[in-house]
Amino acid sequence: MASKNATKVTIGGKTYTLSGNESEEYLQEVASYLNGKIAQLKSDEEYRNVPFEMRGVLLQLNLADDYFKSKNEIRRLQKLLEEREQDLADLKHELVATQMKLESASRTQQAQKRETT
């Protein structure tokens, strides 16, 4: 089991100590992502007019939106990968069938040459 790491991160101008099995780099990356989302929302004029208690909900909705878009993209890419794997399998099958036909034609041609000589 991996040891727990305690890492200080700054999110929204406040320092927090995060503890978990993930690396310090990962925890800093997560904090950086959150800071980017917070900055993105703060740059929106309408967000600044929203009551303070609603701002957290808007941030959560934005994070959930990113999460579901990522999940959908993963599903799309998995489906594309499966299709490509099937295409590859079909091409391999076609290649083997063509090689067998070529070998058969070559044997037939060699047999015909032996008969004529």
PDB file of N, CA and C in Angstrom:
ATOM      1  N   MET A   1       0.847  -1.170   0.000  1.00  0.00           N
ATOM      2  CA  MET A   1       0.000   0.000   0.000  1.00  0.00           C
ATOM      3  C   MET A   1       0.896   1.238   0.000  1.00  0.00           C
ATOM      4  N   ALA A   2       0.556   2.209  -0.801  1.00  0.00           N
ATOM      5  CA  ALA A   2       1.355   3.433  -0.881  1.00  0.00           C
ATOM      6  C   ALA A   2       1.173   4.259   0.395  1.00  0.00           C
ATOM      7  N   SER A   3       2.238   4.972   0.744  1.00  0.00           N
ATOM      8  CA  SER A   3       2.143   5.807   1.945  1.00  0.00           C
ATOM      9  C   SER A   3       1.390   7.084   1.629  1.00  0.00           C
ATOM     10  N   LYS A   4       0.760   7.635   2.644  1.00  0.00           N
ATOM     11  CA  LYS A   4      -0.003   8.865   2.463  1.00  0.00           C
ATOM     12  C   LYS A   4       0.941  10.049   2.405  1.00  0.00           C
ATOM     13  N   ASN A   5       0.604  10.980   1.539  1.00  0.00           N
ATOM     14  CA  ASN A   5       1.364  12.218   1.401  1.00  0.00           C
ATOM     15  C   ASN A   5       0.540  13.370   1.949  1.00  0.00           C
ATOM     16  N   ALA A   6       1.181  14.263   2.643  1.00  0.00           N
ATOM     17  CA  ALA A   6       0.529  15.496   3.096  1.00  0.00           C
ATOM     18  C   ALA A   6       1.183  16.625   2.314  1.00  0.00           C
ATOM     19  N   THR A   7       0.355  17.390   1.614  1.00  0.00           N
ATOM     20  CA  THR A   7       0.855  18.440   0.741  1.00  0.00           C
ATOM     21  C   THR A   7       0.080  19.717   0.972  1.00  0.00           C
ATOM     22  N   LYS A   8       0.787  20.802   1.101  1.00  0.00           N
ATOM     23  CA  LYS A   8       0.129  22.106   1.215  1.00  0.00           C
ATOM     24  C   LYS A   8      -0.134  22.632  -0.189  1.00  0.00           C
ATOM     25  N   VAL A   9      -1.395  23.059  -0.410  1.00  0.00           N
ATOM     26  CA  VAL A   9      -1.791  23.640  -1.693  1.00  0.00           C
ATOM     27  C   VAL A   9      -2.548  24.932  -1.411  1.00  0.00           C
ATOM     28  N   THR A  10      -2.550  25.783  -2.400  1.00  0.00           N
ATOM     29  CA  THR A  10      -3.323  27.021  -2.291  1.00  0.00           C
ATOM     30  C   THR A  10      -4.455  26.950  -3.303  1.00  0.00           C
ATOM     31  N   ILE A  11      -5.670  27.112  -2.799  1.00  0.00           N
ATOM     32  CA  ILE A  11      -6.864  27.093  -3.648  1.00  0.00           C
ATOM     33  C   ILE A  11      -7.672  28.330  -3.314  1.00  0.00           C
ATOM     34  N   GLY A  12      -7.912  29.123  -4.319  1.00  0.00           N
ATOM     35  CA  GLY A  12      -8.704  30.332  -4.118  1.00  0.00           C
ATOM     36  C   GLY A  12      -8.074  31.282  -3.117  1.00  0.00           C
ATOM     37  N   GLY A  13      -6.746  31.298  -3.046  1.00  0.00           N
ATOM     38  CA  GLY A  13      -6.051  32.202  -2.140  1.00  0.00           C
ATOM     39  C   GLY A  13      -5.911  31.685  -0.718  1.00  0.00           C
ATOM     40  N   LYS A  14      -6.431  30.505  -0.424  1.00  0.00           N
ATOM     41  CA  LYS A  14      -6.319  29.927   0.916  1.00  0.00           C
ATOM     42  C   LYS A  14      -5.443  28.682   0.856  1.00  0.00           C
ATOM     43  N   THR A  15      -4.674  28.477   1.904  1.00  0.00           N
ATOM     44  CA  THR A  15      -3.790  27.324   1.964  1.00  0.00           C
ATOM     45  C   THR A  15      -4.473  26.175   2.688  1.00  0.00           C
ATOM     46  N   TYR A  16      -4.374  25.007   2.079  1.00  0.00           N
ATOM     47  CA  TYR A  16      -4.961  23.787   2.638  1.00  0.00           C
ATOM     48  C   TYR A  16      -3.883  22.712   2.661  1.00  0.00           C
ATOM     49  N   THR A  17      -4.000  21.791   3.607  1.00  0.00           N
ATOM     50  CA  THR A  17      -3.135  20.618   3.617  1.00  0.00           C
ATOM     51  C   THR A  17      -3.976  19.446   3.145  1.00  0.00           C
ATOM     52  N   LEU A  18      -3.575  18.888   2.018  1.00  0.00           N
ATOM     53  CA  LEU A  18      -4.271  17.729   1.460  1.00  0.00           C
ATOM     54  C   LEU A  18      -3.469  16.487   1.802  1.00  0.00           C
ATOM     55  N   SER A  19      -4.167  15.443   2.152  1.00  0.00           N
ATOM     56  CA  SER A  19      -3.517  14.193   2.490  1.00  0.00           C
ATOM     57  C   SER A  19      -4.131  13.090   1.647  1.00  0.00           C
ATOM     58  N   GLY A  20      -3.262  12.279   1.056  1.00  0.00           N
ATOM     59  CA  GLY A  20      -3.776  11.184   0.248  1.00  0.00           C
ATOM     60  C   GLY A  20      -2.635  10.332  -0.279  1.00  0.00           C
ATOM     61  N   ASN A  21      -2.982   9.312  -1.030  1.00  0.00           N
ATOM     62  CA  ASN A  21      -1.999   8.395  -1.592  1.00  0.00           C
ATOM     63  C   ASN A  21      -1.373   8.936  -2.870  1.00  0.00           C
ATOM     64  N   GLU A  22      -1.942   9.995  -3.408  1.00  0.00           N
ATOM     65  CA  GLU A  22      -1.441  10.563  -4.643  1.00  0.00           C
ATOM     66  C   GLU A  22      -0.151  11.344  -4.394  1.00  0.00           C
ATOM     67  N   SER A  23       0.596  11.552  -5.463  1.00  0.00           N
ATOM     68  CA  SER A  23       1.858  12.282  -5.344  1.00  0.00           C
ATOM     69  C   SER A  23       1.597  13.767  -5.095  1.00  0.00           C
ATOM     70  N   GLU A  24       2.611  14.436  -4.596  1.00  0.00           N
ATOM     71  CA  GLU A  24       2.510  15.879  -4.375  1.00  0.00           C
ATOM     72  C   GLU A  24       2.241  16.595  -5.697  1.00  0.00           C
ATOM     73  N   GLU A  25       2.895  16.142  -6.763  1.00  0.00           N
ATOM     74  CA  GLU A  25       2.698  16.763  -8.079  1.00  0.00           C
ATOM     75  C   GLU A  25       1.236  16.670  -8.521  1.00  0.00           C
ATOM     76  N   TYR A  26       0.638  15.511  -8.288  1.00  0.00           N
ATOM     77  CA  TYR A  26      -0.762  15.331  -8.666  1.00  0.00           C
ATOM     78  C   TYR A  26      -1.674  16.254  -7.863  1.00  0.00           C
ATOM     79  N   LEU A  27      -1.446  16.318  -6.556  1.00  0.00           N
ATOM     80  CA  LEU A  27      -2.278  17.176  -5.707  1.00  0.00           C
ATOM     81  C   LEU A  27      -2.125  18.646  -6.106  1.00  0.00           C
ATOM     82  N   GLN A  28      -0.907  19.044  -6.456  1.00  0.00           N
ATOM     83  CA  GLN A  28      -0.690  20.420  -6.919  1.00  0.00           C
ATOM     84  C   GLN A  28      -1.400  20.655  -8.252  1.00  0.00           C
ATOM     85  N   GLU A  29      -1.398  19.642  -9.113  1.00  0.00           N
ATOM     86  CA  GLU A  29      -2.087  19.758 -10.405  1.00  0.00           C
ATOM     87  C   GLU A  29      -3.595  19.935 -10.202  1.00  0.00           C
ATOM     88  N   VAL A  30      -4.154  19.181  -9.269  1.00  0.00           N
ATOM     89  CA  VAL A  30      -5.585  19.305  -8.970  1.00  0.00           C
ATOM     90  C   VAL A  30      -5.885  20.704  -8.435  1.00  0.00           C
ATOM     91  N   ALA A  31      -5.052  21.192  -7.519  1.00  0.00           N
ATOM     92  CA  ALA A  31      -5.244  22.537  -6.962  1.00  0.00           C
ATOM     93  C   ALA A  31      -5.133  23.584  -8.064  1.00  0.00           C
ATOM     94  N   SER A  32      -4.189  23.397  -8.967  1.00  0.00           N
ATOM     95  CA  SER A  32      -4.016  24.326 -10.077  1.00  0.00           C
ATOM     96  C   SER A  32      -5.253  24.335 -10.985  1.00  0.00           C
ATOM     97  N   TYR A  33      -5.803  23.161 -11.223  1.00  0.00           N
ATOM     98  CA  TYR A  33      -7.020  23.053 -12.037  1.00  0.00           C
ATOM     99  C   TYR A  33      -8.169  23.824 -11.375  1.00  0.00           C
ATOM    100  N   LEU A  34      -8.332  23.615 -10.069  1.00  0.00           N
ATOM    101  CA  LEU A  34      -9.390  24.331  -9.343  1.00  0.00           C
ATOM    102  C   LEU A  34      -9.162  25.844  -9.400  1.00  0.00           C
ATOM    103  N   ASN A  35      -7.922  26.264  -9.209  1.00  0.00           N
ATOM    104  CA  ASN A  35      -7.621  27.702  -9.285  1.00  0.00           C
ATOM    105  C   ASN A  35      -7.942  28.262 -10.657  1.00  0.00           C
ATOM    106  N   GLY A  36      -7.688  27.486 -11.691  1.00  0.00           N
ATOM    107  CA  GLY A  36      -8.035  27.920 -13.044  1.00  0.00           C
ATOM    108  C   GLY A  36      -9.535  28.083 -13.219  1.00  0.00           C
ATOM    109  N   LYS A  37     -10.286  27.136 -12.684  1.00  0.00           N
ATOM    110  CA  LYS A  37     -11.754  27.221 -12.764  1.00  0.00           C
ATOM    111  C   LYS A  37     -12.272  28.432 -11.979  1.00  0.00           C
ATOM    112  N   ILE A  38     -11.703  28.637 -10.807  1.00  0.00           N
ATOM    113  CA  ILE A  38     -12.121  29.781  -9.985  1.00  0.00           C
ATOM    114  C   ILE A  38     -11.815  31.086 -10.725  1.00  0.00           C
ATOM    115  N   ALA A  39     -10.629  31.179 -11.297  1.00  0.00           N
ATOM    116  CA  ALA A  39     -10.239  32.391 -12.042  1.00  0.00           C
ATOM    117  C   ALA A  39     -11.141  32.596 -13.246  1.00  0.00           C
ATOM    118  N   GLN A  40     -11.481  31.509 -13.916  1.00  0.00           N
ATOM    119  CA  GLN A  40     -12.370  31.591 -15.075  1.00  0.00           C
ATOM    120  C   GLN A  40     -13.733  32.150 -14.662  1.00  0.00           C
ATOM    121  N   LEU A  41     -14.268  31.645 -13.574  1.00  0.00           N
ATOM    122  CA  LEU A  41     -15.566  32.140 -13.106  1.00  0.00           C
ATOM    123  C   LEU A  41     -15.481  33.592 -12.639  1.00  0.00           C
ATOM    124  N   LYS A  42     -14.411  33.916 -11.919  1.00  0.00           N
ATOM    125  CA  LYS A  42     -14.270  35.280 -11.410  1.00  0.00           C
ATOM    126  C   LYS A  42     -14.140  36.306 -12.538  1.00  0.00           C
ATOM    127  N   SER A  43     -13.647  35.872 -13.681  1.00  0.00           N
ATOM    128  CA  SER A  43     -13.494  36.804 -14.800  1.00  0.00           C
ATOM    129  C   SER A  43     -14.828  37.092 -15.498  1.00  0.00           C
ATOM    130  N   ASP A  44     -15.850  36.327 -15.156  1.00  0.00           N
ATOM    131  CA  ASP A  44     -17.180  36.506 -15.742  1.00  0.00           C
ATOM    132  C   ASP A  44     -17.948  37.543 -14.926  1.00  0.00           C
ATOM    133  N   GLU A  45     -18.369  38.601 -15.576  1.00  0.00           N
ATOM    134  CA  GLU A  45     -19.086  39.697 -14.909  1.00  0.00           C
ATOM    135  C   GLU A  45     -20.347  39.193 -14.210  1.00  0.00           C
ATOM    136  N   GLU A  46     -21.077  38.286 -14.844  1.00  0.00           N
ATOM    137  CA  GLU A  46     -22.313  37.775 -14.260  1.00  0.00           C
ATOM    138  C   GLU A  46     -22.032  36.986 -12.978  1.00  0.00           C
ATOM    139  N   TYR A  47     -20.923  36.258 -12.956  1.00  0.00           N
ATOM    140  CA  TYR A  47     -20.556  35.478 -11.770  1.00  0.00           C
ATOM    141  C   TYR A  47     -20.347  36.396 -10.576  1.00  0.00           C
ATOM    142  N   ARG A  48     -19.718  37.524 -10.816  1.00  0.00           N
ATOM    143  CA  ARG A  48     -19.443  38.462  -9.717  1.00  0.00           C
ATOM    144  C   ARG A  48     -20.726  39.043  -9.129  1.00  0.00           C
ATOM    145  N   ASN A  49     -21.814  38.999  -9.904  1.00  0.00           N
ATOM    146  CA  ASN A  49     -23.097  39.519  -9.416  1.00  0.00           C
ATOM    147  C   ASN A  49     -23.936  38.445  -8.711  1.00  0.00           C
ATOM    148  N   VAL A  50     -23.477  37.228  -8.745  1.00  0.00           N
ATOM    149  CA  VAL A  50     -24.201  36.122  -8.107  1.00  0.00           C
ATOM    150  C   VAL A  50     -23.925  36.165  -6.605  1.00  0.00           C
ATOM    151  N   PRO A  51     -24.939  35.885  -5.790  1.00  0.00           N
ATOM    152  CA  PRO A  51     -24.714  35.850  -4.339  1.00  0.00           C
ATOM    153  C   PRO A  51     -23.598  34.867  -3.978  1.00  0.00           C
ATOM    154  N   PHE A  52     -22.842  35.215  -2.949  1.00  0.00           N
ATOM    155  CA  PHE A  52     -21.673  34.445  -2.551  1.00  0.00           C
ATOM    156  C   PHE A  52     -21.978  32.961  -2.363  1.00  0.00           C
ATOM    157  N   GLU A  53     -23.099  32.651  -1.706  1.00  0.00           N
ATOM    158  CA  GLU A  53     -23.428  31.250  -1.428  1.00  0.00           C
ATOM    159  C   GLU A  53     -23.706  30.449  -2.702  1.00  0.00           C
ATOM    160  N   MET A  54     -24.042  31.128  -3.796  1.00  0.00           N
ATOM    161  CA  MET A  54     -24.298  30.446  -5.066  1.00  0.00           C
ATOM    162  C   MET A  54     -23.015  30.196  -5.847  1.00  0.00           C
ATOM    163  N   ARG A  55     -21.962  30.895  -5.523  1.00  0.00           N
ATOM    164  CA  ARG A  55     -20.711  30.768  -6.279  1.00  0.00           C
ATOM    165  C   ARG A  55     -20.120  29.359  -6.163  1.00  0.00           C
ATOM    166  N   GLY A  56     -20.202  28.794  -4.984  1.00  0.00           N
ATOM    167  CA  GLY A  56     -19.710  27.421  -4.794  1.00  0.00           C
ATOM    168  C   GLY A  56     -20.488  26.429  -5.639  1.00  0.00           C
ATOM    169  N   VAL A  57     -21.797  26.638  -5.706  1.00  0.00           N
ATOM    170  CA  VAL A  57     -22.639  25.756  -6.516  1.00  0.00           C
ATOM    171  C   VAL A  57     -22.268  25.894  -7.993  1.00  0.00           C
ATOM    172  N   LEU A  58     -22.024  27.113  -8.445  1.00  0.00           N
ATOM    173  CA  LEU A  58     -21.627  27.313  -9.838  1.00  0.00           C
ATOM    174  C   LEU A  58     -20.289  26.644 -10.137  1.00  0.00           C
ATOM    175  N   LEU A  59     -19.357  26.733  -9.201  1.00  0.00           N
ATOM    176  CA  LEU A  59     -18.070  26.062  -9.364  1.00  0.00           C
ATOM    177  C   LEU A  59     -18.279  24.554  -9.442  1.00  0.00           C
ATOM    178  N   GLN A  60     -19.106  24.017  -8.570  1.00  0.00           N
ATOM    179  CA  GLN A  60     -19.385  22.580  -8.576  1.00  0.00           C
ATOM    180  C   GLN A  60     -20.043  22.149  -9.885  1.00  0.00           C
ATOM    181  N   LEU A  61     -20.967  22.966 -10.377  1.00  0.00           N
ATOM    182  CA  LEU A  61     -21.612  22.653 -11.653  1.00  0.00           C
ATOM    183  C   LEU A  61     -20.605  22.653 -12.798  1.00  0.00           C
ATOM    184  N   ASN A  62     -19.690  23.611 -12.782  1.00  0.00           N
ATOM    185  CA  ASN A  62     -18.648  23.655 -13.811  1.00  0.00           C
ATOM    186  C   ASN A  62     -17.756  22.416 -13.739  1.00  0.00           C
ATOM    187  N   LEU A  63     -17.393  22.005 -12.533  1.00  0.00           N
ATOM    188  CA  LEU A  63     -16.563  20.811 -12.375  1.00  0.00           C
ATOM    189  C   LEU A  63     -17.319  19.559 -12.822  1.00  0.00           C
ATOM    190  N   ALA A  64     -18.587  19.464 -12.464  1.00  0.00           N
ATOM    191  CA  ALA A  64     -19.404  18.318 -12.881  1.00  0.00           C
ATOM    192  C   ALA A  64     -19.545  18.302 -14.401  1.00  0.00           C
ATOM    193  N   ASP A  65     -19.700  19.473 -15.003  1.00  0.00           N
ATOM    194  CA  ASP A  65     -19.793  19.579 -16.461  1.00  0.00           C
ATOM    195  C   ASP A  65     -18.510  19.054 -17.107  1.00  0.00           C
ATOM    196  N   ASP A  66     -17.358  19.460 -16.610  1.00  0.00           N
ATOM    197  CA  ASP A  66     -16.076  18.965 -17.130  1.00  0.00           C
ATOM    198  C   ASP A  66     -15.978  17.456 -16.975  1.00  0.00           C
ATOM    199  N   TYR A  67     -16.409  16.959 -15.822  1.00  0.00           N
ATOM    200  CA  TYR A  67     -16.351  15.531 -15.549  1.00  0.00           C
ATOM    201  C   TYR A  67     -17.192  14.746 -16.556  1.00  0.00           C
ATOM    202  N   PHE A  68     -18.445  15.165 -16.757  1.00  0.00           N
ATOM    203  CA  PHE A  68     -19.321  14.432 -17.665  1.00  0.00           C
ATOM    204  C   PHE A  68     -18.867  14.559 -19.116  1.00  0.00           C
ATOM    205  N   LYS A  69     -18.347  15.710 -19.495  1.00  0.00           N
ATOM    206  CA  LYS A  69     -17.800  15.853 -20.854  1.00  0.00           C
ATOM    207  C   LYS A  69     -16.606  14.928 -21.039  1.00  0.00           C
ATOM    208  N   SER A  70     -15.776  14.812 -20.028  1.00  0.00           N
ATOM    209  CA  SER A  70     -14.620  13.913 -20.098  1.00  0.00           C
ATOM    210  C   SER A  70     -15.072  12.457 -20.195  1.00  0.00           C
ATOM    211  N   LYS A  71     -16.067  12.089 -19.392  1.00  0.00           N
ATOM    212  CA  LYS A  71     -16.588  10.723 -19.450  1.00  0.00           C
ATOM    213  C   LYS A  71     -17.140  10.416 -20.836  1.00  0.00           C
ATOM    214  N   ASN A  72     -17.879  11.360 -21.406  1.00  0.00           N
ATOM    215  CA  ASN A  72     -18.435  11.151 -22.747  1.00  0.00           C
ATOM    216  C   ASN A  72     -17.329  11.036 -23.786  1.00  0.00           C
ATOM    217  N   GLU A  73     -16.290  11.826 -23.645  1.00  0.00           N
ATOM    218  CA  GLU A  73     -15.165  11.761 -24.576  1.00  0.00           C
ATOM    219  C   GLU A  73     -14.440  10.419 -24.449  1.00  0.00           C
ATOM    220  N   ILE A  74     -14.307   9.925 -23.229  1.00  0.00           N
ATOM    221  CA  ILE A  74     -13.689   8.615 -23.020  1.00  0.00           C
ATOM    222  C   ILE A  74     -14.525   7.534 -23.686  1.00  0.00           C
ATOM    223  N   ARG A  75     -15.846   7.594 -23.502  1.00  0.00           N
ATOM    224  CA  ARG A  75     -16.730   6.608 -24.140  1.00  0.00           C
ATOM    225  C   ARG A  75     -16.593   6.665 -25.661  1.00  0.00           C
ATOM    226  N   ARG A  76     -16.554   7.882 -26.207  1.00  0.00           N
ATOM    227  CA  ARG A  76     -16.426   8.044 -27.658  1.00  0.00           C
ATOM    228  C   ARG A  76     -15.101   7.454 -28.137  1.00  0.00           C
ATOM    229  N   LEU A  77     -14.028   7.732 -27.414  1.00  0.00           N
ATOM    230  CA  LEU A  77     -12.721   7.231 -27.814  1.00  0.00           C
ATOM    231  C   LEU A  77     -12.631   5.710 -27.657  1.00  0.00           C
ATOM    232  N   GLN A  78     -13.276   5.171 -26.604  1.00  0.00           N
ATOM    233  CA  GLN A  78     -13.292   3.720 -26.437  1.00  0.00           C
ATOM    234  C   GLN A  78     -14.040   3.058 -27.593  1.00  0.00           C
ATOM    235  N   LYS A  79     -15.154   3.644 -27.984  1.00  0.00           N
ATOM    236  CA  LYS A  79     -15.920   3.099 -29.106  1.00  0.00           C
ATOM    237  C   LYS A  79     -15.100   3.177 -30.388  1.00  0.00           C
ATOM    238  N   LEU A  80     -14.419   4.290 -30.596  1.00  0.00           N
ATOM    239  CA  LEU A  80     -13.574   4.453 -31.770  1.00  0.00           C
ATOM    240  C   LEU A  80     -12.448   3.425 -31.758  1.00  0.00           C
ATOM    241  N   LEU A  81     -11.854   3.197 -30.595  1.00  0.00           N
ATOM    242  CA  LEU A  81     -10.794   2.200 -30.466  1.00  0.00           C
ATOM    243  C   LEU A  81     -11.324   0.805 -30.796  1.00  0.00           C
ATOM    244  N   GLU A  82     -12.496   0.482 -30.282  1.00  0.00           N
ATOM    245  CA  GLU A  82     -13.091  -0.825 -30.574  1.00  0.00           C
ATOM    246  C   GLU A  82     -13.339  -0.982 -32.073  1.00  0.00           C
ATOM    247  N   GLU A  83     -13.834   0.088 -32.715  1.00  0.00           N
ATOM    248  CA  GLU A  83     -14.071   0.041 -34.153  1.00  0.00           C
ATOM    249  C   GLU A  83     -12.759  -0.158 -34.908  1.00  0.00           C
ATOM    250  N   ARG A  84     -11.705   0.543 -34.481  1.00  0.00           N
ATOM    251  CA  ARG A  84     -10.395   0.413 -35.139  1.00  0.00           C
ATOM    252  C   ARG A  84      -9.834  -0.989 -34.931  1.00  0.00           C
ATOM    253  N   GLU A  85     -10.025  -1.538 -33.731  1.00  0.00           N
ATOM    254  CA  GLU A  85      -9.557  -2.895 -33.467  1.00  0.00           C
ATOM    255  C   GLU A  85     -10.301  -3.893 -34.344  1.00  0.00           C
ATOM    256  N   GLN A  86     -11.602  -3.682 -34.545  1.00  0.00           N
ATOM    257  CA  GLN A  86     -12.380  -4.562 -35.413  1.00  0.00           C
ATOM    258  C   GLN A  86     -11.915  -4.413 -36.854  1.00  0.00           C
ATOM    259  N   ASP A  87     -11.673  -3.158 -37.285  1.00  0.00           N
ATOM    260  CA  ASP A  87     -11.151  -2.921 -38.642  1.00  0.00           C
ATOM    261  C   ASP A  87      -9.822  -3.640 -38.835  1.00  0.00           C
ATOM    262  N   LEU A  88      -8.954  -3.562 -37.828  1.00  0.00           N
ATOM    263  CA  LEU A  88      -7.655  -4.215 -37.892  1.00  0.00           C
ATOM    264  C   LEU A  88      -7.812  -5.730 -37.982  1.00  0.00           C
ATOM    265  N   ALA A  89      -8.706  -6.280 -37.180  1.00  0.00           N
ATOM    266  CA  ALA A  89      -8.953  -7.722 -37.218  1.00  0.00           C
ATOM    267  C   ALA A  89      -9.479  -8.131 -38.590  1.00  0.00           C
ATOM    268  N   ASP A  90     -10.387  -7.336 -39.155  1.00  0.00           N
ATOM    269  CA  ASP A  90     -10.922  -7.626 -40.491  1.00  0.00           C
ATOM    270  C   ASP A  90      -9.818  -7.576 -41.545  1.00  0.00           C
ATOM    271  N   LEU A  91      -8.938  -6.573 -41.437  1.00  0.00           N
ATOM    272  CA  LEU A  91      -7.835  -6.450 -42.392  1.00  0.00           C
ATOM    273  C   LEU A  91      -6.858  -7.620 -42.270  1.00  0.00           C
ATOM    274  N   LYS A  92      -6.588  -8.050 -41.044  1.00  0.00           N
ATOM    275  CA  LYS A  92      -5.704  -9.202 -40.842  1.00  0.00           C
ATOM    276  C   LYS A  92      -6.315 -10.450 -41.463  1.00  0.00           C
ATOM    277  N   HIS A  93      -7.619 -10.623 -41.261  1.00  0.00           N
ATOM    278  CA  HIS A  93      -8.313 -11.770 -41.838  1.00  0.00           C
ATOM    279  C   HIS A  93      -8.242 -11.711 -43.366  1.00  0.00           C
ATOM    280  N   GLU A  94      -8.469 -10.540 -43.914  1.00  0.00           N
ATOM    281  CA  GLU A  94      -8.405 -10.346 -45.368  1.00  0.00           C
ATOM    282  C   GLU A  94      -6.987 -10.618 -45.887  1.00  0.00           C
ATOM    283  N   LEU A  95      -5.982 -10.177 -45.133  1.00  0.00           N
ATOM    284  CA  LEU A  95      -4.596 -10.404 -45.520  1.00  0.00           C
ATOM    285  C   LEU A  95      -4.277 -11.893 -45.547  1.00  0.00           C
ATOM    286  N   VAL A  96      -4.695 -12.614 -44.530  1.00  0.00           N
ATOM    287  CA  VAL A  96      -4.449 -14.056 -44.476  1.00  0.00           C
ATOM    288  C   VAL A  96      -5.156 -14.748 -45.636  1.00  0.00           C
ATOM    289  N   ALA A  97      -6.398 -14.365 -45.900  1.00  0.00           N
ATOM    290  CA  ALA A  97      -7.148 -14.965 -47.006  1.00  0.00           C
ATOM    291  C   ALA A  97      -6.458 -14.678 -48.335  1.00  0.00           C
ATOM    292  N   THR A  98      -5.963 -13.466 -48.519  1.00  0.00           N
ATOM    293  CA  THR A  98      -5.277 -13.097 -49.757  1.00  0.00           C
ATOM    294  C   THR A  98      -3.963 -13.856 -49.879  1.00  0.00           C
ATOM    295  N   GLN A  99      -3.225 -14.014 -48.765  1.00  0.00           N
ATOM    296  CA  GLN A  99      -1.978 -14.779 -48.788  1.00  0.00           C
ATOM    297  C   GLN A  99      -2.243 -16.234 -49.156  1.00  0.00           C
ATOM    298  N   MET A 100      -3.339 -16.781 -48.632  1.00  0.00           N
ATOM    299  CA  MET A 100      -3.679 -18.164 -48.961  1.00  0.00           C
ATOM    300  C   MET A 100      -4.009 -18.305 -50.442  1.00  0.00           C
ATOM    301  N   LYS A 101      -4.741 -17.335 -50.987  1.00  0.00           N
ATOM    302  CA  LYS A 101      -5.071 -17.363 -52.420  1.00  0.00           C
ATOM    303  C   LYS A 101      -3.804 -17.242 -53.258  1.00  0.00           C
ATOM    304  N   LEU A 102      -2.896 -16.372 -52.838  1.00  0.00           N
ATOM    305  CA  LEU A 102      -1.642 -16.175 -53.554  1.00  0.00           C
ATOM    306  C   LEU A 102      -0.811 -17.453 -53.533  1.00  0.00           C
ATOM    307  N   GLU A 103      -0.722 -18.073 -52.369  1.00  0.00           N
ATOM    308  CA  GLU A 103       0.028 -19.329 -52.267  1.00  0.00           C
ATOM    309  C   GLU A 103      -0.607 -20.419 -53.128  1.00  0.00           C
ATOM    310  N   SER A 104      -1.922 -20.475 -53.121  1.00  0.00           N
ATOM    311  CA  SER A 104      -2.633 -21.462 -53.932  1.00  0.00           C
ATOM    312  C   SER A 104      -2.382 -21.212 -55.418  1.00  0.00           C
ATOM    313  N   ALA A 105      -2.457 -19.955 -55.825  1.00  0.00           N
ATOM    314  CA  ALA A 105      -2.213 -19.612 -57.227  1.00  0.00           C
ATOM    315  C   ALA A 105      -0.769 -19.922 -57.605  1.00  0.00           C
ATOM    316  N   SER A 106       0.149 -19.678 -56.699  1.00  0.00           N
ATOM    317  CA  SER A 106       1.564 -19.962 -56.956  1.00  0.00           C
ATOM    318  C   SER A 106       1.788 -21.461 -57.112  1.00  0.00           C
ATOM    319  N   ARG A 107       1.163 -22.261 -56.254  1.00  0.00           N
ATOM    320  CA  ARG A 107       1.290 -23.716 -56.359  1.00  0.00           C
ATOM    321  C   ARG A 107       0.687 -24.219 -57.663  1.00  0.00           C
ATOM    322  N   THR A 108      -0.455 -23.649 -58.038  1.00  0.00           N
ATOM    323  CA  THR A 108      -1.104 -24.035 -59.288  1.00  0.00           C
ATOM    324  C   THR A 108      -0.205 -23.684 -60.466  1.00  0.00           C
ATOM    325  N   GLN A 109       0.386 -22.519 -60.428  1.00  0.00           N
ATOM    326  CA  GLN A 109       1.267 -22.094 -61.522  1.00  0.00           C
ATOM    327  C   GLN A 109       2.509 -22.979 -61.596  1.00  0.00           C
ATOM    328  N   GLN A 110       3.082 -23.338 -60.453  1.00  0.00           N
ATOM    329  CA  GLN A 110       4.243 -24.221 -60.441  1.00  0.00           C
ATOM    330  C   GLN A 110       3.880 -25.597 -60.975  1.00  0.00           C
ATOM    331  N   ALA A 111       2.703 -26.088 -60.604  1.00  0.00           N
ATOM    332  CA  ALA A 111       2.250 -27.397 -61.076  1.00  0.00           C
ATOM    333  C   ALA A 111       2.073 -27.355 -62.583  1.00  0.00           C
ATOM    334  N   GLN A 112       1.521 -26.272 -63.104  1.00  0.00           N
ATOM    335  CA  GLN A 112       1.317 -26.146 -64.542  1.00  0.00           C
ATOM    336  C   GLN A 112       2.649 -26.094 -65.280  1.00  0.00           C
ATOM    337  N   LYS A 113       3.636 -25.428 -64.703  1.00  0.00           N
ATOM    338  CA  LYS A 113       4.966 -25.347 -65.310  1.00  0.00           C
ATOM    339  C   LYS A 113       5.606 -26.734 -65.363  1.00  0.00           C
ATOM    340  N   ARG A 114       5.436 -27.531 -64.292  1.00  0.00           N
ATOM    341  CA  ARG A 114       6.007 -28.878 -64.257  1.00  0.00           C
ATOM    342  C   ARG A 114       5.342 -29.775 -65.300  1.00  0.00           C
ATOM    343  N   GLU A 115       4.044 -29.575 -65.493  1.00  0.00           N
ATOM    344  CA  GLU A 115       3.318 -30.381 -66.475  1.00  0.00           C
ATOM    345  C   GLU A 115       3.765 -30.056 -67.888  1.00  0.00           C
ATOM    346  N   THR A 116       4.095 -28.806 -68.150  1.00  0.00           N
ATOM    347  CA  THR A 116       4.489 -28.407 -69.501  1.00  0.00           C
ATOM    348  C   THR A 116       5.951 -28.712 -69.778  1.00  0.00           C
ATOM    349  N   THR A 117       6.732 -29.014 -68.782  1.00  0.00           N
ATOM    350  CA  THR A 117       8.144 -29.321 -69.023  1.00  0.00           C
ATOM    351  C   THR A 117       8.438 -30.776 -69.041  1.00  0.00           C
TER     352      THR A 117
END
